[in-house]
Amino acid sequence: MNQAGNDISSLKPLEARFIRAYVINGGNATQAAKDAGCKCRSEASFQVRGCQLKAKLDLPIRELMSAAGLSSLEILRSLVGGLAAERDHVQWTPDGRALVHRSPDWQARLRATDMAIKLQGGYPKAQMELPFAVDQNGRLMITAEFDHPETAGASF
């Protein structure tokens, strides 16, 4: 049972598929919506549906992670490890000895950095919502306040 009183096993099939795909895809809600079988016609629709499902299923996802032993501390430790990831390169000498060289694993570090930025809310939202109105001539009027007075109430 989660805090809302719902049993996680009572999820709808699409929701269960979404959670599974979300975990497999490393937290990519858009790809999870595709893999779960959401019926969308465009990439933007998959993005919206993925965000909707992620918001709706946030608590079950966190509970499943907790049940699997993935506490916030464990996740942060894993993230720190990813930021310092290294890769072994083996080179064989003519006499058959193996020489191992270590170098930064830039791909793993990039993924860890991206995840850290996401966790911190560092990426801007994909769309910015502006308040608007339509005047008598059918023109769109942006009613947001701007820093510069000449741009306030601009119409397009």
N, C-alpha and C. Protein backbone atom coordinates (compact mmCIF):
# COMPACT_ATOMS: atom_id res chain seq x y z
N MET A 1 0.84 -1.19 0.00
CA MET A 1 0.00 0.00 0.00
C MET A 1 0.88 1.24 0.00
N ASN A 2 0.51 2.22 -0.82
CA ASN A 2 1.24 3.48 -0.78
C ASN A 2 0.53 4.45 0.14
N GLN A 3 1.07 5.66 0.25
CA GLN A 3 0.51 6.64 1.17
C GLN A 3 -0.91 7.04 0.81
N ALA A 4 -1.26 6.93 -0.45
CA ALA A 4 -2.61 7.28 -0.88
C ALA A 4 -3.59 6.14 -0.60
N GLY A 5 -3.09 5.02 -0.09
CA GLY A 5 -3.95 3.89 0.22
C GLY A 5 -4.15 2.93 -0.94
N ASN A 6 -3.40 3.11 -2.01
CA ASN A 6 -3.52 2.23 -3.17
C ASN A 6 -2.43 1.17 -3.15
N ASP A 7 -2.78 -0.04 -3.53
CA ASP A 7 -1.82 -1.11 -3.64
C ASP A 7 -1.09 -0.95 -4.98
N ILE A 8 0.25 -0.99 -4.96
CA ILE A 8 1.03 -0.83 -6.18
C ILE A 8 0.65 -1.90 -7.20
N SER A 9 0.29 -3.08 -6.72
CA SER A 9 -0.07 -4.15 -7.66
C SER A 9 -1.40 -3.88 -8.36
N SER A 10 -2.14 -2.87 -7.91
CA SER A 10 -3.42 -2.55 -8.55
C SER A 10 -3.28 -1.53 -9.66
N LEU A 11 -2.06 -1.28 -10.09
CA LEU A 11 -1.86 -0.34 -11.19
C LEU A 11 -2.51 -0.88 -12.47
N LYS A 12 -2.94 0.02 -13.32
CA LYS A 12 -3.45 -0.38 -14.63
C LYS A 12 -2.29 -0.95 -15.44
N PRO A 13 -2.58 -1.84 -16.41
CA PRO A 13 -1.49 -2.44 -17.19
C PRO A 13 -0.58 -1.41 -17.86
N LEU A 14 -1.16 -0.35 -18.42
CA LEU A 14 -0.34 0.68 -19.06
C LEU A 14 0.58 1.34 -18.05
N GLU A 15 0.07 1.60 -16.85
CA GLU A 15 0.88 2.24 -15.81
C GLU A 15 2.03 1.33 -15.38
N ALA A 16 1.75 0.05 -15.22
CA ALA A 16 2.80 -0.90 -14.85
C ALA A 16 3.86 -0.99 -15.95
N ARG A 17 3.42 -1.02 -17.22
CA ARG A 17 4.38 -1.06 -18.33
C ARG A 17 5.20 0.22 -18.38
N PHE A 18 4.56 1.36 -18.09
CA PHE A 18 5.28 2.64 -18.10
C PHE A 18 6.37 2.64 -17.02
N ILE A 19 6.02 2.21 -15.81
CA ILE A 19 7.02 2.19 -14.73
C ILE A 19 8.20 1.30 -15.10
N ARG A 20 7.91 0.13 -15.64
CA ARG A 20 8.98 -0.79 -16.04
C ARG A 20 9.86 -0.14 -17.12
N ALA A 21 9.24 0.44 -18.13
CA ALA A 21 9.99 1.08 -19.21
C ALA A 21 10.76 2.30 -18.69
N TYR A 22 10.18 3.04 -17.76
CA TYR A 22 10.82 4.22 -17.19
C TYR A 22 12.12 3.83 -16.49
N VAL A 23 12.07 2.74 -15.72
CA VAL A 23 13.26 2.28 -15.02
C VAL A 23 14.30 1.76 -16.01
N ILE A 24 13.87 0.97 -16.99
CA ILE A 24 14.78 0.40 -17.99
C ILE A 24 15.45 1.50 -18.81
N ASN A 25 14.70 2.56 -19.14
CA ASN A 25 15.22 3.64 -19.97
C ASN A 25 15.94 4.72 -19.17
N GLY A 26 16.25 4.45 -17.93
CA GLY A 26 17.03 5.39 -17.13
C GLY A 26 16.32 6.69 -16.83
N GLY A 27 15.00 6.65 -16.71
CA GLY A 27 14.26 7.85 -16.35
C GLY A 27 13.82 8.69 -17.53
N ASN A 28 13.81 8.13 -18.72
CA ASN A 28 13.36 8.86 -19.91
C ASN A 28 11.86 8.61 -20.07
N ALA A 29 11.05 9.59 -19.65
CA ALA A 29 9.60 9.43 -19.66
C ALA A 29 9.04 9.35 -21.08
N THR A 30 9.61 10.07 -22.01
CA THR A 30 9.13 10.05 -23.40
C THR A 30 9.30 8.65 -24.00
N GLN A 31 10.50 8.09 -23.85
CA GLN A 31 10.75 6.75 -24.38
C GLN A 31 9.92 5.72 -23.63
N ALA A 32 9.73 5.91 -22.33
CA ALA A 32 8.91 4.98 -21.55
C ALA A 32 7.47 4.99 -22.04
N ALA A 33 6.94 6.16 -22.40
CA ALA A 33 5.58 6.24 -22.93
C ALA A 33 5.47 5.47 -24.25
N LYS A 34 6.50 5.58 -25.08
CA LYS A 34 6.52 4.83 -26.35
C LYS A 34 6.55 3.33 -26.09
N ASP A 35 7.49 2.92 -25.22
CA ASP A 35 7.68 1.50 -24.95
C ASP A 35 6.50 0.87 -24.22
N ALA A 36 5.78 1.68 -23.45
CA ALA A 36 4.63 1.17 -22.69
C ALA A 36 3.42 0.95 -23.58
N GLY A 37 3.44 1.53 -24.78
CA GLY A 37 2.34 1.34 -25.71
C GLY A 37 1.32 2.47 -25.73
N CYS A 38 1.73 3.65 -25.30
CA CYS A 38 0.81 4.79 -25.37
C CYS A 38 0.49 5.08 -26.83
N LYS A 39 -0.73 5.46 -27.08
CA LYS A 39 -1.18 5.76 -28.44
C LYS A 39 -1.04 7.27 -28.69
N CYS A 40 0.06 7.66 -29.28
CA CYS A 40 0.32 9.06 -29.58
C CYS A 40 0.71 9.19 -31.05
N ARG A 41 0.44 10.36 -31.62
CA ARG A 41 0.71 10.56 -33.04
C ARG A 41 1.99 11.33 -33.34
N SER A 42 2.55 11.98 -32.31
CA SER A 42 3.75 12.78 -32.56
C SER A 42 4.71 12.65 -31.39
N GLU A 43 5.93 13.08 -31.62
CA GLU A 43 6.94 13.06 -30.57
C GLU A 43 6.51 13.95 -29.41
N ALA A 44 5.93 15.11 -29.73
CA ALA A 44 5.46 16.02 -28.68
C ALA A 44 4.37 15.37 -27.84
N SER A 45 3.50 14.59 -28.47
CA SER A 45 2.44 13.90 -27.73
C SER A 45 3.02 12.86 -26.79
N PHE A 46 4.07 12.15 -27.24
CA PHE A 46 4.72 11.18 -26.36
C PHE A 46 5.38 11.88 -25.18
N GLN A 47 5.97 13.07 -25.43
CA GLN A 47 6.58 13.83 -24.34
C GLN A 47 5.55 14.22 -23.30
N VAL A 48 4.41 14.74 -23.77
CA VAL A 48 3.35 15.16 -22.85
C VAL A 48 2.82 13.97 -22.07
N ARG A 49 2.53 12.87 -22.76
CA ARG A 49 1.98 11.68 -22.10
C ARG A 49 2.98 11.10 -21.10
N GLY A 50 4.26 11.09 -21.47
CA GLY A 50 5.28 10.61 -20.55
C GLY A 50 5.36 11.45 -19.29
N CYS A 51 5.28 12.77 -19.45
CA CYS A 51 5.29 13.67 -18.29
C CYS A 51 4.06 13.47 -17.41
N GLN A 52 2.91 13.29 -18.05
CA GLN A 52 1.68 13.06 -17.29
C GLN A 52 1.78 11.78 -16.47
N LEU A 53 2.22 10.70 -17.11
CA LEU A 53 2.33 9.42 -16.40
C LEU A 53 3.38 9.49 -15.30
N LYS A 54 4.50 10.15 -15.57
CA LYS A 54 5.54 10.28 -14.55
C LYS A 54 5.01 11.03 -13.34
N ALA A 55 4.29 12.12 -13.57
CA ALA A 55 3.74 12.90 -12.46
C ALA A 55 2.73 12.07 -11.67
N LYS A 56 1.87 11.35 -12.37
CA LYS A 56 0.84 10.53 -11.73
C LYS A 56 1.44 9.38 -10.94
N LEU A 57 2.52 8.79 -11.46
CA LEU A 57 3.09 7.58 -10.88
C LEU A 57 4.34 7.84 -10.05
N ASP A 58 4.60 9.10 -9.71
CA ASP A 58 5.81 9.43 -8.97
C ASP A 58 5.91 8.65 -7.67
N LEU A 59 4.84 8.60 -6.89
CA LEU A 59 4.87 7.89 -5.61
C LEU A 59 5.11 6.39 -5.79
N PRO A 60 4.38 5.70 -6.69
CA PRO A 60 4.69 4.28 -6.88
C PRO A 60 6.13 4.02 -7.34
N ILE A 61 6.66 4.91 -8.19
CA ILE A 61 8.04 4.74 -8.64
C ILE A 61 9.00 4.86 -7.46
N ARG A 62 8.79 5.85 -6.62
CA ARG A 62 9.66 6.03 -5.45
C ARG A 62 9.54 4.86 -4.48
N GLU A 63 8.31 4.34 -4.30
CA GLU A 63 8.11 3.20 -3.41
C GLU A 63 8.78 1.95 -3.94
N LEU A 64 8.72 1.73 -5.25
CA LEU A 64 9.39 0.57 -5.84
C LEU A 64 10.90 0.69 -5.70
N MET A 65 11.42 1.88 -5.88
CA MET A 65 12.85 2.09 -5.72
C MET A 65 13.26 1.82 -4.27
N SER A 66 12.45 2.30 -3.34
CA SER A 66 12.73 2.08 -1.93
C SER A 66 12.68 0.59 -1.59
N ALA A 67 11.68 -0.11 -2.13
CA ALA A 67 11.56 -1.55 -1.88
C ALA A 67 12.75 -2.31 -2.44
N ALA A 68 13.36 -1.78 -3.50
CA ALA A 68 14.53 -2.42 -4.11
C ALA A 68 15.82 -2.01 -3.40
N GLY A 69 15.70 -1.22 -2.34
CA GLY A 69 16.88 -0.79 -1.60
C GLY A 69 17.58 0.41 -2.18
N LEU A 70 16.90 1.13 -3.05
CA LEU A 70 17.50 2.31 -3.65
C LEU A 70 17.07 3.56 -2.89
N SER A 71 17.73 3.82 -1.79
CA SER A 71 17.44 5.02 -1.02
C SER A 71 18.08 6.22 -1.71
N SER A 72 17.73 7.39 -1.26
CA SER A 72 18.33 8.60 -1.83
C SER A 72 19.84 8.59 -1.66
N LEU A 73 20.30 8.09 -0.53
CA LEU A 73 21.74 8.03 -0.28
C LEU A 73 22.43 7.08 -1.25
N GLU A 74 21.82 5.91 -1.49
CA GLU A 74 22.40 4.96 -2.43
C GLU A 74 22.44 5.53 -3.85
N ILE A 75 21.38 6.23 -4.22
CA ILE A 75 21.32 6.85 -5.55
C ILE A 75 22.42 7.90 -5.68
N LEU A 76 22.60 8.72 -4.65
CA LEU A 76 23.65 9.75 -4.69
C LEU A 76 25.04 9.13 -4.75
N ARG A 77 25.25 8.05 -4.00
CA ARG A 77 26.55 7.36 -4.05
C ARG A 77 26.82 6.83 -5.46
N SER A 78 25.81 6.25 -6.07
CA SER A 78 25.94 5.74 -7.43
C SER A 78 26.24 6.87 -8.41
N LEU A 79 25.57 8.00 -8.22
CA LEU A 79 25.78 9.16 -9.08
C LEU A 79 27.21 9.68 -8.95
N VAL A 80 27.70 9.77 -7.73
CA VAL A 80 29.07 10.23 -7.50
C VAL A 80 30.06 9.27 -8.17
N GLY A 81 29.78 7.97 -8.06
CA GLY A 81 30.64 6.99 -8.72
C GLY A 81 30.64 7.17 -10.23
N GLY A 82 29.48 7.48 -10.79
CA GLY A 82 29.38 7.71 -12.23
C GLY A 82 30.16 8.94 -12.67
N LEU A 83 30.18 9.96 -11.82
CA LEU A 83 30.91 11.18 -12.16
C LEU A 83 32.43 10.96 -12.21
N ALA A 84 32.90 9.90 -11.53
CA ALA A 84 34.33 9.59 -11.50
C ALA A 84 34.65 8.30 -12.26
N ALA A 85 33.74 7.85 -13.12
CA ALA A 85 33.90 6.56 -13.80
C ALA A 85 35.18 6.52 -14.64
N GLU A 86 35.81 5.35 -14.59
CA GLU A 86 37.01 5.12 -15.38
C GLU A 86 36.86 3.83 -16.18
N ARG A 87 37.67 3.71 -17.20
CA ARG A 87 37.61 2.56 -18.09
C ARG A 87 39.01 1.95 -18.18
N ASP A 88 39.05 0.61 -18.16
CA ASP A 88 40.32 -0.10 -18.29
C ASP A 88 40.58 -0.43 -19.76
N HIS A 89 41.83 -0.22 -20.17
CA HIS A 89 42.27 -0.57 -21.52
C HIS A 89 43.44 -1.56 -21.38
N VAL A 90 43.31 -2.69 -22.01
CA VAL A 90 44.34 -3.73 -21.90
C VAL A 90 45.18 -3.73 -23.17
N GLN A 91 46.47 -3.73 -22.97
CA GLN A 91 47.41 -3.79 -24.09
C GLN A 91 48.35 -4.96 -23.83
N TRP A 92 48.56 -5.79 -24.83
CA TRP A 92 49.39 -6.99 -24.67
C TRP A 92 50.79 -6.71 -25.18
N THR A 93 51.78 -7.11 -24.40
CA THR A 93 53.17 -6.95 -24.79
C THR A 93 53.58 -8.14 -25.66
N PRO A 94 54.68 -8.00 -26.41
CA PRO A 94 55.13 -9.13 -27.24
C PRO A 94 55.40 -10.41 -26.46
N ASP A 95 55.76 -10.28 -25.19
CA ASP A 95 56.03 -11.49 -24.40
C ASP A 95 54.77 -12.02 -23.71
N GLY A 96 53.59 -11.50 -24.03
CA GLY A 96 52.33 -12.04 -23.52
C GLY A 96 51.82 -11.44 -22.22
N ARG A 97 52.49 -10.40 -21.72
CA ARG A 97 52.02 -9.75 -20.50
C ARG A 97 50.94 -8.72 -20.85
N ALA A 98 50.00 -8.57 -19.93
CA ALA A 98 48.92 -7.59 -20.12
C ALA A 98 49.27 -6.31 -19.36
N LEU A 99 49.21 -5.20 -20.06
CA LEU A 99 49.38 -3.89 -19.43
C LEU A 99 48.00 -3.22 -19.41
N VAL A 100 47.61 -2.80 -18.22
CA VAL A 100 46.29 -2.19 -18.06
C VAL A 100 46.47 -0.69 -17.85
N HIS A 101 45.78 0.08 -18.67
CA HIS A 101 45.79 1.54 -18.56
C HIS A 101 44.38 2.00 -18.20
N ARG A 102 44.29 2.95 -17.32
CA ARG A 102 42.99 3.49 -16.93
C ARG A 102 42.84 4.89 -17.54
N SER A 103 41.61 5.17 -17.98
CA SER A 103 41.31 6.50 -18.50
C SER A 103 39.88 6.85 -18.11
N PRO A 104 39.55 8.12 -18.11
CA PRO A 104 38.18 8.51 -17.76
C PRO A 104 37.18 7.90 -18.75
N ASP A 105 36.05 7.44 -18.23
CA ASP A 105 34.96 6.95 -19.07
C ASP A 105 34.03 8.14 -19.30
N TRP A 106 34.30 8.87 -20.37
CA TRP A 106 33.59 10.12 -20.61
C TRP A 106 32.11 9.90 -20.86
N GLN A 107 31.74 8.81 -21.49
CA GLN A 107 30.33 8.54 -21.75
C GLN A 107 29.56 8.32 -20.44
N ALA A 108 30.11 7.54 -19.54
CA ALA A 108 29.46 7.31 -18.24
C ALA A 108 29.42 8.59 -17.42
N ARG A 109 30.49 9.37 -17.48
CA ARG A 109 30.51 10.64 -16.74
C ARG A 109 29.47 11.62 -17.28
N LEU A 110 29.31 11.63 -18.59
CA LEU A 110 28.31 12.51 -19.20
C LEU A 110 26.90 12.11 -18.75
N ARG A 111 26.60 10.81 -18.76
CA ARG A 111 25.28 10.33 -18.31
C ARG A 111 25.05 10.70 -16.84
N ALA A 112 26.07 10.53 -16.00
CA ALA A 112 25.93 10.87 -14.59
C ALA A 112 25.74 12.37 -14.39
N THR A 113 26.46 13.17 -15.16
CA THR A 113 26.30 14.62 -15.08
C THR A 113 24.90 15.04 -15.50
N ASP A 114 24.39 14.46 -16.59
CA ASP A 114 23.04 14.75 -17.05
C ASP A 114 22.01 14.41 -15.98
N MET A 115 22.17 13.25 -15.34
CA MET A 115 21.25 12.84 -14.30
C MET A 115 21.32 13.78 -13.10
N ALA A 116 22.52 14.20 -12.74
CA ALA A 116 22.67 15.14 -11.61
C ALA A 116 21.97 16.46 -11.91
N ILE A 117 22.11 16.95 -13.13
CA ILE A 117 21.44 18.19 -13.52
C ILE A 117 19.93 18.01 -13.47
N LYS A 118 19.42 16.87 -13.94
CA LYS A 118 17.98 16.60 -13.88
C LYS A 118 17.49 16.56 -12.44
N LEU A 119 18.24 15.89 -11.57
CA LEU A 119 17.83 15.78 -10.17
C LEU A 119 17.79 17.14 -9.49
N GLN A 120 18.66 18.04 -9.90
CA GLN A 120 18.71 19.38 -9.32
C GLN A 120 17.71 20.33 -9.96
N GLY A 121 16.97 19.85 -10.98
CA GLY A 121 16.01 20.72 -11.67
C GLY A 121 16.70 21.78 -12.50
N GLY A 122 17.90 21.45 -13.00
CA GLY A 122 18.71 22.43 -13.71
C GLY A 122 18.32 22.70 -15.15
N TYR A 123 17.50 21.83 -15.75
CA TYR A 123 17.11 22.07 -17.13
C TYR A 123 15.82 22.90 -17.16
N PRO A 124 15.72 23.84 -18.09
CA PRO A 124 14.48 24.62 -18.18
C PRO A 124 13.35 23.76 -18.73
N LYS A 125 12.14 24.19 -18.46
CA LYS A 125 10.98 23.49 -19.02
C LYS A 125 11.02 23.62 -20.53
N ALA A 126 10.46 22.62 -21.21
CA ALA A 126 10.47 22.59 -22.67
C ALA A 126 9.64 23.73 -23.26
N GLN A 127 8.58 24.10 -22.58
CA GLN A 127 7.71 25.16 -23.09
C GLN A 127 7.51 26.19 -22.00
N MET A 128 7.40 27.43 -22.43
CA MET A 128 7.10 28.49 -21.50
C MET A 128 5.66 28.92 -21.73
N GLU A 129 4.90 28.98 -20.67
CA GLU A 129 3.51 29.39 -20.80
C GLU A 129 3.40 30.88 -20.51
N LEU A 130 2.79 31.60 -21.41
CA LEU A 130 2.56 33.02 -21.24
C LEU A 130 1.07 33.30 -21.20
N PRO A 131 0.65 34.18 -20.30
CA PRO A 131 -0.76 34.55 -20.31
C PRO A 131 -1.06 35.39 -21.55
N PHE A 132 -2.25 35.18 -22.14
CA PHE A 132 -2.58 35.90 -23.35
C PHE A 132 -4.07 36.21 -23.38
N ALA A 133 -4.42 37.09 -24.28
CA ALA A 133 -5.82 37.43 -24.53
C ALA A 133 -5.95 37.71 -26.02
N VAL A 134 -7.17 37.69 -26.52
CA VAL A 134 -7.45 38.00 -27.91
C VAL A 134 -8.25 39.30 -27.95
N ASP A 135 -7.76 40.29 -28.76
CA ASP A 135 -8.48 41.57 -28.82
C ASP A 135 -9.66 41.51 -29.79
N GLN A 136 -10.34 42.64 -29.99
CA GLN A 136 -11.54 42.69 -30.84
C GLN A 136 -11.24 42.35 -32.29
N ASN A 137 -10.03 42.57 -32.73
CA ASN A 137 -9.64 42.29 -34.12
C ASN A 137 -9.13 40.86 -34.31
N GLY A 138 -9.18 40.06 -33.25
CA GLY A 138 -8.73 38.68 -33.35
C GLY A 138 -7.24 38.51 -33.21
N ARG A 139 -6.53 39.57 -32.79
CA ARG A 139 -5.08 39.48 -32.61
C ARG A 139 -4.76 38.93 -31.22
N LEU A 140 -3.70 38.14 -31.16
CA LEU A 140 -3.25 37.58 -29.91
C LEU A 140 -2.47 38.64 -29.14
N MET A 141 -2.83 38.84 -27.88
CA MET A 141 -2.17 39.83 -27.03
C MET A 141 -1.49 39.08 -25.88
N ILE A 142 -0.18 39.20 -25.79
CA ILE A 142 0.55 38.63 -24.66
C ILE A 142 0.37 39.59 -23.50
N THR A 143 -0.16 39.09 -22.39
CA THR A 143 -0.47 39.97 -21.26
C THR A 143 0.56 39.87 -20.14
N ALA A 144 1.67 39.16 -20.38
CA ALA A 144 2.72 39.03 -19.38
C ALA A 144 3.45 40.36 -19.23
N GLU A 145 3.98 40.58 -18.05
CA GLU A 145 4.78 41.79 -17.82
C GLU A 145 6.23 41.47 -18.15
N PHE A 146 6.87 42.39 -18.86
CA PHE A 146 8.25 42.22 -19.27
C PHE A 146 9.12 43.27 -18.61
N ASP A 147 10.43 43.07 -18.67
CA ASP A 147 11.37 44.01 -18.07
C ASP A 147 11.38 45.35 -18.80
N HIS A 148 11.15 45.33 -20.11
CA HIS A 148 11.21 46.54 -20.90
C HIS A 148 9.79 47.03 -21.19
N PRO A 149 9.49 48.29 -20.89
CA PRO A 149 8.11 48.79 -21.07
C PRO A 149 7.63 48.75 -22.51
N GLU A 150 8.51 48.87 -23.50
CA GLU A 150 8.07 48.88 -24.90
C GLU A 150 7.59 47.51 -25.36
N THR A 151 7.91 46.43 -24.65
CA THR A 151 7.47 45.10 -25.05
C THR A 151 6.21 44.65 -24.31
N ALA A 152 5.77 45.40 -23.34
CA ALA A 152 4.56 45.00 -22.58
C ALA A 152 3.34 45.12 -23.48
N GLY A 153 2.49 44.14 -23.44
CA GLY A 153 1.26 44.17 -24.23
C GLY A 153 1.49 44.03 -25.71
N ALA A 154 2.63 43.45 -26.12
CA ALA A 154 2.92 43.29 -27.55
C ALA A 154 1.90 42.35 -28.18
N SER A 155 1.55 42.64 -29.41
CA SER A 155 0.60 41.76 -30.12
C SER A 155 1.28 41.15 -31.32
N PHE A 156 0.80 39.98 -31.70
CA PHE A 156 1.40 39.25 -32.82
C PHE A 156 0.33 38.84 -33.78
